[in-house]
């Protein structure tokens, strides 16, 4: 009888000790063995990255100068004069009042 009373007291002491160790939990008459149960917090999912496409910077390209070709021997411009034995002279087009009515094309090579 002394043995069963001692075991009962030991069991009650264990139950009380486990209840004190985890005072934040409620005890409903079961036996609590082990440490506190830890549950990981829910995972945080980051939103997908946002990519902003940039347009390339505009590049200013200066147009190449246009020339007219004049033949001094024939006293005319290409394409009105098809060949020039002395060679063609490059002429920078002037204002429309000083220039011929139609701009000539480059001479054949």
C-alpha atoms as a PDB file:
ATOM      1  CA  UNK A   1       0.000   0.000   0.000  1.00  0.00           C
ATOM      2  CA  UNK A   2       2.830   2.330   0.798  1.00  0.00           C
ATOM      3  CA  UNK A   3       4.299   1.575  -2.572  1.00  0.00           C
ATOM      4  CA  UNK A   4       1.106   2.506  -4.484  1.00  0.00           C
ATOM      5  CA  UNK A   5       0.666   5.711  -2.423  1.00  0.00           C
ATOM      6  CA  UNK A   6       4.283   6.659  -3.167  1.00  0.00           C
ATOM      7  CA  UNK A   7       3.778   6.005  -6.872  1.00  0.00           C
ATOM      8  CA  UNK A   8       0.542   8.002  -6.847  1.00  0.00           C
ATOM      9  CA  UNK A   9       2.271  10.913  -5.127  1.00  0.00           C
ATOM     10  CA  UNK A  10       5.148  10.714  -7.599  1.00  0.00           C
ATOM     11  CA  UNK A  11       2.726  10.718 -10.515  1.00  0.00           C
ATOM     12  CA  UNK A  12       0.825  13.691  -9.084  1.00  0.00           C
ATOM     13  CA  UNK A  13       4.105  15.549  -8.538  1.00  0.00           C
ATOM     14  CA  UNK A  14       5.101  14.874 -12.158  1.00  0.00           C
ATOM     15  CA  UNK A  15       1.739  16.126 -13.401  1.00  0.00           C
ATOM     16  CA  UNK A  16       1.992  19.269 -11.321  1.00  0.00           C
ATOM     17  CA  UNK A  17       5.588  19.853 -12.384  1.00  0.00           C
ATOM     18  CA  UNK A  18       4.697  19.535 -16.065  1.00  0.00           C
ATOM     19  CA  UNK A  19       1.791  21.924 -15.598  1.00  0.00           C
ATOM     20  CA  UNK A  20       4.035  24.508 -13.909  1.00  0.00           C
ATOM     21  CA  UNK A  21       6.717  24.139 -16.596  1.00  0.00           C
ATOM     22  CA  UNK A  22       4.194  24.985 -19.279  1.00  0.00           C
ATOM     23  CA  UNK A  23       1.852  27.296 -17.414  1.00  0.00           C
ATOM     24  CA  UNK A  24       0.661  28.886 -20.645  1.00  0.00           C
ATOM     25  CA  UNK A  25      -1.010  25.639 -21.746  1.00  0.00           C
ATOM     26  CA  UNK A  26      -4.230  24.275 -20.328  1.00  0.00           C
ATOM     27  CA  UNK A  27      -4.236  20.971 -18.554  1.00  0.00           C
ATOM     28  CA  UNK A  28      -7.230  18.676 -18.978  1.00  0.00           C
ATOM     29  CA  UNK A  29      -6.002  15.649 -17.098  1.00  0.00           C
ATOM     30  CA  UNK A  30      -3.644  14.217 -19.723  1.00  0.00           C
ATOM     31  CA  UNK A  31       0.088  13.818 -19.364  1.00  0.00           C
ATOM     32  CA  UNK A  32       2.272  16.442 -21.024  1.00  0.00           C
ATOM     33  CA  UNK A  33       5.636  15.035 -22.078  1.00  0.00           C
ATOM     34  CA  UNK A  34       8.248  17.041 -23.956  1.00  0.00           C
ATOM     35  CA  UNK A  35       8.922  20.690 -24.630  1.00  0.00           C
ATOM     36  CA  UNK A  36       6.609  23.271 -26.116  1.00  0.00           C
ATOM     37  CA  UNK A  37       5.329  22.639 -29.613  1.00  0.00           C
ATOM     38  CA  UNK A  38       6.863  25.120 -32.070  1.00  0.00           C
ATOM     39  CA  UNK A  39       5.153  25.858 -35.346  1.00  0.00           C
ATOM     40  CA  UNK A  40       6.929  27.826 -38.060  1.00  0.00           C
ATOM     41  CA  UNK A  41       5.278  31.096 -39.110  1.00  0.00           C
ATOM     42  CA  UNK A  42       3.561  31.049 -42.478  1.00  0.00           C
ATOM     43  CA  UNK A  43       5.866  31.603 -45.420  1.00  0.00           C
ATOM     44  CA  UNK A  44       5.866  35.058 -46.978  1.00  0.00           C
ATOM     45  CA  UNK A  45       5.660  35.006 -50.741  1.00  0.00           C
ATOM     46  CA  UNK A  46       7.249  37.984 -52.452  1.00  0.00           C
ATOM     47  CA  UNK A  47       5.443  39.398 -55.471  1.00  0.00           C
ATOM     48  CA  UNK A  48       7.151  38.777 -58.807  1.00  0.00           C
ATOM     49  CA  UNK A  49       9.639  41.455 -59.847  1.00  0.00           C
ATOM     50  CA  UNK A  50       8.452  44.213 -62.142  1.00  0.00           C
ATOM     51  CA  UNK A  51      10.642  44.943 -65.151  1.00  0.00           C
ATOM     52  CA  UNK A  52      10.401  48.314 -66.836  1.00  0.00           C
ATOM     53  CA  UNK A  53      11.670  48.362 -70.383  1.00  0.00           C
ATOM     54  CA  UNK A  54      13.348  51.574 -71.331  1.00  0.00           C
ATOM     55  CA  UNK A  55      13.480  52.869 -74.852  1.00  0.00           C
ATOM     56  CA  UNK A  56      16.996  53.518 -76.068  1.00  0.00           C
ATOM     57  CA  UNK A  57      17.983  57.154 -76.129  1.00  0.00           C
ATOM     58  CA  UNK A  58      17.384  58.749 -79.514  1.00  0.00           C
ATOM     59  CA  UNK A  59      20.536  59.194 -81.524  1.00  0.00           C
ATOM     60  CA  UNK A  60      20.866  62.278 -83.656  1.00  0.00           C
ATOM     61  CA  UNK A  61      22.576  61.528 -86.927  1.00  0.00           C
ATOM     62  CA  UNK A  62      23.516  64.530 -88.969  1.00  0.00           C
ATOM     63  CA  UNK A  63      22.592  63.920 -92.579  1.00  0.00           C
ATOM     64  CA  UNK A  64      25.457  63.630 -94.974  1.00  0.00           C
ATOM     65  CA  UNK A  65      25.892  66.692 -97.150  1.00  0.00           C
ATOM     66  CA  UNK A  66      24.380  66.339-100.583  1.00  0.00           C
ATOM     67  CA  UNK A  67      26.346  67.553-103.564  1.00  0.00           C
ATOM     68  CA  UNK A  68      25.448  68.333-107.101  1.00  0.00           C
ATOM     69  CA  UNK A  69      27.902  67.544-109.846  1.00  0.00           C
ATOM     70  CA  UNK A  70      28.760  70.214-112.407  1.00  0.00           C
ATOM     71  CA  UNK A  71      30.669  69.861-115.642  1.00  0.00           C
ATOM     72  CA  UNK A  72      32.489  73.056-116.635  1.00  0.00           C
ATOM     73  CA  UNK A  73      33.109  71.968-120.250  1.00  0.00           C
ATOM     74  CA  UNK A  74      29.446  71.127-120.902  1.00  0.00           C
ATOM     75  CA  UNK A  75      28.261  73.961-118.637  1.00  0.00           C
ATOM     76  CA  UNK A  76      25.605  71.689-117.048  1.00  0.00           C
ATOM     77  CA  UNK A  77      24.720  69.458-114.133  1.00  0.00           C
ATOM     78  CA  UNK A  78      24.416  65.710-113.928  1.00  0.00           C
ATOM     79  CA  UNK A  79      22.039  63.949-115.064  1.00  0.00           C
ATOM     80  CA  UNK A  80      21.392  66.547-117.767  1.00  0.00           C
ATOM     81  CA  UNK A  81      24.997  66.043-118.886  1.00  0.00           C
ATOM     82  CA  UNK A  82      25.801  62.331-118.972  1.00  0.00           C
ATOM     83  CA  UNK A  83      29.591  62.488-119.280  1.00  0.00           C
ATOM     84  CA  UNK A  84      32.261  65.048-118.477  1.00  0.00           C
ATOM     85  CA  UNK A  85      35.735  64.553-119.997  1.00  0.00           C
ATOM     86  CA  UNK A  86      37.420  67.054-117.633  1.00  0.00           C
ATOM     87  CA  UNK A  87      35.863  65.532-114.525  1.00  0.00           C
ATOM     88  CA  UNK A  88      32.958  66.465-112.320  1.00  0.00           C
ATOM     89  CA  UNK A  89      33.059  69.321-109.837  1.00  0.00           C
ATOM     90  CA  UNK A  90      31.217  68.893-106.535  1.00  0.00           C
ATOM     91  CA  UNK A  91      28.887  71.782-105.863  1.00  0.00           C
ATOM     92  CA  UNK A  92      27.121  72.418-102.561  1.00  0.00           C
ATOM     93  CA  UNK A  93      23.525  73.287-103.395  1.00  0.00           C
ATOM     94  CA  UNK A  94      22.707  76.900-102.646  1.00  0.00           C
ATOM     95  CA  UNK A  95      19.398  78.543-101.962  1.00  0.00           C
ATOM     96  CA  UNK A  96      16.508  77.506-104.193  1.00  0.00           C
ATOM     97  CA  UNK A  97      16.551  80.864-106.048  1.00  0.00           C
ATOM     98  CA  UNK A  98      20.191  80.313-107.097  1.00  0.00           C
ATOM     99  CA  UNK A  99      19.989  76.612-107.852  1.00  0.00           C
ATOM    100  CA  UNK A 100      18.496  74.783-110.833  1.00  0.00           C
ATOM    101  CA  UNK A 101      14.884  73.723-110.524  1.00  0.00           C
ATOM    102  CA  UNK A 102      15.671  70.016-110.068  1.00  0.00           C
ATOM    103  CA  UNK A 103      18.545  68.692-107.972  1.00  0.00           C
ATOM    104  CA  UNK A 104      20.697  66.402-110.089  1.00  0.00           C
ATOM    105  CA  UNK A 105      21.673  62.870-109.079  1.00  0.00           C
ATOM    106  CA  UNK A 106      25.284  61.812-108.433  1.00  0.00           C
ATOM    107  CA  UNK A 107      27.334  60.921-111.533  1.00  0.00           C
ATOM    108  CA  UNK A 108      27.893  57.303-112.482  1.00  0.00           C
ATOM    109  CA  UNK A 109      31.095  55.755-111.218  1.00  0.00           C
END
